[in-house]
């Protein structure tokens, strides 16, 4: 543990951020699973799940939980999966 007051505060703030960031990342993973499950069963549900997933990714990117390019890459990947499923 740090000895300087400001360093102690930084440690506490980083712990709080880590908890929040891990929560957001876990939520994104949950939405990814929901999207993939919906994609396997029903396209209408998959489209709704895709909208929710992209909203979560954009929110996480705007809060700097994940990098903006990472969010864009994931959105493009899932959009391609959705388009391929529509073509079948």
N, C-alpha and C. Protein backbone atom coordinates (compact mmCIF):
# COMPACT_ATOMS: atom_id res chain seq x y z
N UNK A 1 0.85 -1.18 0.00
CA UNK A 1 0.00 0.00 0.00
C UNK A 1 0.89 1.24 0.00
N UNK A 2 0.41 2.26 -0.66
CA UNK A 2 1.18 3.49 -0.78
C UNK A 2 1.18 4.26 0.54
N UNK A 3 2.18 5.13 0.69
CA UNK A 3 2.29 5.94 1.90
C UNK A 3 1.73 7.34 1.70
N UNK A 4 1.78 7.84 0.48
CA UNK A 4 1.34 9.20 0.20
C UNK A 4 -0.18 9.22 0.06
N UNK A 5 -0.80 10.26 0.59
CA UNK A 5 -2.26 10.34 0.62
C UNK A 5 -2.87 10.27 -0.78
N UNK A 6 -2.30 10.99 -1.72
CA UNK A 6 -2.85 10.99 -3.08
C UNK A 6 -2.68 9.61 -3.73
N UNK A 7 -1.61 8.92 -3.43
CA UNK A 7 -1.40 7.58 -3.97
C UNK A 7 -2.40 6.59 -3.38
N UNK A 8 -2.72 6.76 -2.10
CA UNK A 8 -3.74 5.91 -1.47
C UNK A 8 -5.09 6.13 -2.14
N UNK A 9 -5.40 7.39 -2.43
CA UNK A 9 -6.66 7.71 -3.08
C UNK A 9 -6.71 7.09 -4.48
N UNK A 10 -5.63 7.14 -5.21
CA UNK A 10 -5.57 6.56 -6.55
C UNK A 10 -5.85 5.06 -6.49
N UNK A 11 -5.30 4.39 -5.50
CA UNK A 11 -5.52 2.95 -5.34
C UNK A 11 -7.00 2.66 -5.14
N UNK A 12 -7.66 3.45 -4.30
CA UNK A 12 -9.09 3.26 -4.05
C UNK A 12 -9.92 3.53 -5.30
N UNK A 13 -9.58 4.58 -6.02
CA UNK A 13 -10.31 4.93 -7.24
C UNK A 13 -10.14 3.84 -8.30
N UNK A 14 -8.92 3.32 -8.42
CA UNK A 14 -8.68 2.26 -9.41
C UNK A 14 -9.44 0.99 -9.07
N UNK A 15 -9.59 0.70 -7.80
CA UNK A 15 -10.39 -0.47 -7.40
C UNK A 15 -11.85 -0.29 -7.82
N UNK A 16 -12.38 0.91 -7.59
CA UNK A 16 -13.77 1.19 -7.98
C UNK A 16 -13.94 1.09 -9.49
N UNK A 17 -13.00 1.64 -10.23
CA UNK A 17 -13.08 1.60 -11.69
C UNK A 17 -12.97 0.18 -12.21
N UNK A 18 -12.11 -0.62 -11.58
CA UNK A 18 -11.95 -2.00 -12.01
C UNK A 18 -13.25 -2.77 -11.85
N UNK A 19 -13.92 -2.57 -10.74
CA UNK A 19 -15.21 -3.24 -10.50
C UNK A 19 -16.23 -2.82 -11.55
N UNK A 20 -16.31 -1.51 -11.81
CA UNK A 20 -17.27 -1.00 -12.79
C UNK A 20 -16.93 -1.50 -14.19
N UNK A 21 -15.65 -1.45 -14.57
CA UNK A 21 -15.23 -1.90 -15.90
C UNK A 21 -15.50 -3.39 -16.09
N UNK A 22 -15.20 -4.19 -15.08
CA UNK A 22 -15.45 -5.63 -15.19
C UNK A 22 -16.94 -5.92 -15.32
N UNK A 23 -17.75 -5.13 -14.64
CA UNK A 23 -19.19 -5.30 -14.72
C UNK A 23 -19.68 -5.00 -16.14
N UNK A 24 -19.19 -3.93 -16.73
CA UNK A 24 -19.59 -3.56 -18.09
C UNK A 24 -19.13 -4.62 -19.09
N UNK A 25 -17.90 -5.09 -18.95
CA UNK A 25 -17.38 -6.12 -19.85
C UNK A 25 -18.18 -7.41 -19.73
N UNK A 26 -18.56 -7.77 -18.52
CA UNK A 26 -19.38 -8.95 -18.30
C UNK A 26 -20.75 -8.79 -18.95
N UNK A 27 -21.30 -7.59 -18.84
CA UNK A 27 -22.60 -7.31 -19.45
C UNK A 27 -22.53 -7.44 -20.97
N UNK A 28 -21.43 -6.97 -21.55
CA UNK A 28 -21.24 -7.10 -23.00
C UNK A 28 -21.19 -8.57 -23.40
N UNK A 29 -20.48 -9.37 -22.63
CA UNK A 29 -20.39 -10.80 -22.92
C UNK A 29 -21.76 -11.46 -22.86
N UNK A 30 -22.58 -11.02 -21.91
CA UNK A 30 -23.94 -11.55 -21.79
C UNK A 30 -24.76 -11.20 -23.03
N UNK A 31 -24.64 -9.96 -23.50
CA UNK A 31 -25.37 -9.56 -24.69
C UNK A 31 -24.88 -10.29 -25.93
N UNK A 32 -23.59 -10.59 -25.99
CA UNK A 32 -23.05 -11.37 -27.11
C UNK A 32 -23.66 -12.76 -27.12
N UNK A 33 -23.75 -13.38 -25.95
CA UNK A 33 -24.35 -14.71 -25.86
C UNK A 33 -25.82 -14.68 -26.27
N UNK A 34 -26.55 -13.64 -25.82
CA UNK A 34 -27.95 -13.52 -26.20
C UNK A 34 -28.09 -13.36 -27.71
N UNK A 35 -27.21 -12.57 -28.31
CA UNK A 35 -27.25 -12.37 -29.76
C UNK A 35 -26.99 -13.67 -30.50
N UNK A 36 -25.97 -14.40 -30.10
CA UNK A 36 -25.64 -15.66 -30.78
C UNK A 36 -26.74 -16.69 -30.62
N UNK A 37 -27.35 -16.76 -29.45
CA UNK A 37 -28.47 -17.68 -29.24
C UNK A 37 -29.66 -17.30 -30.11
N UNK A 38 -29.95 -16.01 -30.18
CA UNK A 38 -31.07 -15.54 -31.00
C UNK A 38 -30.78 -15.76 -32.48
N UNK A 39 -29.53 -15.62 -32.87
CA UNK A 39 -29.14 -15.82 -34.27
C UNK A 39 -29.38 -17.26 -34.70
N UNK A 40 -29.18 -18.17 -33.78
CA UNK A 40 -29.37 -19.59 -34.09
C UNK A 40 -30.85 -19.96 -34.18
N UNK A 41 -31.72 -19.18 -33.54
CA UNK A 41 -33.14 -19.56 -33.50
C UNK A 41 -34.03 -18.66 -34.33
N UNK A 42 -33.99 -17.34 -34.10
CA UNK A 42 -34.96 -16.43 -34.73
C UNK A 42 -34.28 -15.15 -35.17
N UNK A 43 -34.45 -14.78 -36.44
CA UNK A 43 -33.80 -13.59 -36.97
C UNK A 43 -34.37 -12.30 -36.39
N UNK A 44 -35.65 -12.26 -36.12
CA UNK A 44 -36.25 -11.05 -35.55
C UNK A 44 -35.67 -10.77 -34.17
N UNK A 45 -35.53 -11.81 -33.38
CA UNK A 45 -34.93 -11.65 -32.06
C UNK A 45 -33.45 -11.27 -32.20
N UNK A 46 -32.80 -11.83 -33.19
CA UNK A 46 -31.38 -11.54 -33.40
C UNK A 46 -31.18 -10.07 -33.74
N UNK A 47 -32.08 -9.49 -34.53
CA UNK A 47 -31.97 -8.07 -34.87
C UNK A 47 -32.14 -7.21 -33.63
N UNK A 48 -33.08 -7.56 -32.78
CA UNK A 48 -33.28 -6.81 -31.53
C UNK A 48 -32.06 -6.96 -30.62
N UNK A 49 -31.54 -8.18 -30.55
CA UNK A 49 -30.36 -8.42 -29.71
C UNK A 49 -29.16 -7.66 -30.26
N UNK A 50 -29.06 -7.56 -31.58
CA UNK A 50 -27.96 -6.82 -32.20
C UNK A 50 -28.04 -5.33 -31.84
N UNK A 51 -29.24 -4.78 -31.87
CA UNK A 51 -29.41 -3.37 -31.51
C UNK A 51 -28.99 -3.12 -30.06
N UNK A 52 -29.40 -4.01 -29.18
CA UNK A 52 -29.04 -3.88 -27.77
C UNK A 52 -27.53 -4.02 -27.58
N UNK A 53 -26.94 -4.98 -28.30
CA UNK A 53 -25.50 -5.23 -28.20
C UNK A 53 -24.71 -4.02 -28.68
N UNK A 54 -25.09 -3.45 -29.81
CA UNK A 54 -24.36 -2.30 -30.33
C UNK A 54 -24.49 -1.09 -29.40
N UNK A 55 -25.66 -0.95 -28.78
CA UNK A 55 -25.83 0.14 -27.82
C UNK A 55 -24.88 -0.04 -26.63
N UNK A 56 -24.76 -1.26 -26.15
CA UNK A 56 -23.86 -1.52 -25.02
C UNK A 56 -22.40 -1.29 -25.42
N UNK A 57 -22.04 -1.71 -26.63
CA UNK A 57 -20.67 -1.52 -27.09
C UNK A 57 -20.35 -0.03 -27.24
N UNK A 58 -21.28 0.73 -27.80
CA UNK A 58 -21.06 2.17 -27.95
C UNK A 58 -20.95 2.85 -26.59
N UNK A 59 -21.77 2.42 -25.65
CA UNK A 59 -21.73 2.99 -24.31
C UNK A 59 -20.40 2.69 -23.63
N UNK A 60 -19.94 1.46 -23.77
CA UNK A 60 -18.66 1.08 -23.16
C UNK A 60 -17.51 1.83 -23.80
N UNK A 61 -17.58 2.04 -25.11
CA UNK A 61 -16.52 2.77 -25.79
C UNK A 61 -16.52 4.24 -25.38
N UNK A 62 -17.69 4.83 -25.21
CA UNK A 62 -17.75 6.23 -24.82
C UNK A 62 -17.27 6.44 -23.39
N UNK A 63 -17.41 5.41 -22.55
CA UNK A 63 -16.94 5.48 -21.17
C UNK A 63 -15.49 5.02 -21.03
N UNK A 64 -14.84 4.72 -22.15
CA UNK A 64 -13.45 4.24 -22.18
C UNK A 64 -13.24 2.94 -21.43
N UNK A 65 -14.27 2.12 -21.38
CA UNK A 65 -14.12 0.79 -20.79
C UNK A 65 -13.42 -0.12 -21.79
N UNK A 66 -13.83 0.00 -23.06
CA UNK A 66 -13.13 -0.67 -24.15
C UNK A 66 -12.74 0.38 -25.18
N UNK A 67 -11.78 0.07 -26.01
CA UNK A 67 -11.32 1.01 -27.02
C UNK A 67 -12.38 1.16 -28.10
N UNK A 68 -12.48 2.34 -28.66
CA UNK A 68 -13.49 2.63 -29.69
C UNK A 68 -13.31 1.72 -30.91
N UNK A 69 -12.07 1.46 -31.29
CA UNK A 69 -11.83 0.59 -32.44
C UNK A 69 -12.25 -0.85 -32.15
N UNK A 70 -12.10 -1.27 -30.91
CA UNK A 70 -12.52 -2.61 -30.51
C UNK A 70 -14.04 -2.73 -30.62
N UNK A 71 -14.74 -1.69 -30.18
CA UNK A 71 -16.20 -1.70 -30.27
C UNK A 71 -16.63 -1.73 -31.73
N UNK A 72 -15.99 -0.94 -32.56
CA UNK A 72 -16.34 -0.89 -33.98
C UNK A 72 -16.07 -2.23 -34.65
N UNK A 73 -14.98 -2.86 -34.29
CA UNK A 73 -14.63 -4.15 -34.87
C UNK A 73 -15.65 -5.21 -34.48
N UNK A 74 -16.06 -5.21 -33.22
CA UNK A 74 -17.05 -6.19 -32.76
C UNK A 74 -18.40 -5.95 -33.42
N UNK A 75 -18.79 -4.68 -33.55
CA UNK A 75 -20.07 -4.36 -34.20
C UNK A 75 -20.06 -4.83 -35.65
N UNK A 76 -18.96 -4.62 -36.34
CA UNK A 76 -18.86 -5.04 -37.73
C UNK A 76 -18.92 -6.56 -37.84
N UNK A 77 -18.28 -7.24 -36.92
CA UNK A 77 -18.27 -8.71 -36.93
C UNK A 77 -19.69 -9.25 -36.74
N UNK A 78 -20.40 -8.71 -35.77
CA UNK A 78 -21.74 -9.20 -35.50
C UNK A 78 -22.73 -8.78 -36.59
N UNK A 79 -22.50 -7.63 -37.21
CA UNK A 79 -23.34 -7.22 -38.33
C UNK A 79 -23.17 -8.18 -39.50
N UNK A 80 -21.94 -8.61 -39.72
CA UNK A 80 -21.68 -9.57 -40.80
C UNK A 80 -22.36 -10.90 -40.51
N UNK A 81 -22.31 -11.35 -39.26
CA UNK A 81 -22.99 -12.59 -38.89
C UNK A 81 -24.49 -12.48 -39.13
N UNK A 82 -25.06 -11.33 -38.78
CA UNK A 82 -26.49 -11.11 -38.96
C UNK A 82 -26.85 -11.08 -40.44
N UNK A 83 -26.03 -10.39 -41.25
CA UNK A 83 -26.30 -10.33 -42.69
C UNK A 83 -26.18 -11.70 -43.34
N UNK A 84 -25.18 -12.48 -42.93
CA UNK A 84 -25.02 -13.82 -43.48
C UNK A 84 -26.23 -14.72 -43.13
N UNK A 85 -26.74 -14.53 -41.92
CA UNK A 85 -27.91 -15.33 -41.51
C UNK A 85 -29.14 -14.93 -42.30
N UNK A 86 -29.27 -13.65 -42.63
CA UNK A 86 -30.41 -13.19 -43.41
C UNK A 86 -30.38 -13.75 -44.83
N UNK A 87 -29.18 -13.92 -45.39
CA UNK A 87 -29.04 -14.41 -46.76
C UNK A 87 -29.41 -15.88 -46.91
N UNK A 88 -29.34 -16.61 -45.81
CA UNK A 88 -29.64 -18.05 -45.87
C UNK A 88 -31.10 -18.32 -45.98
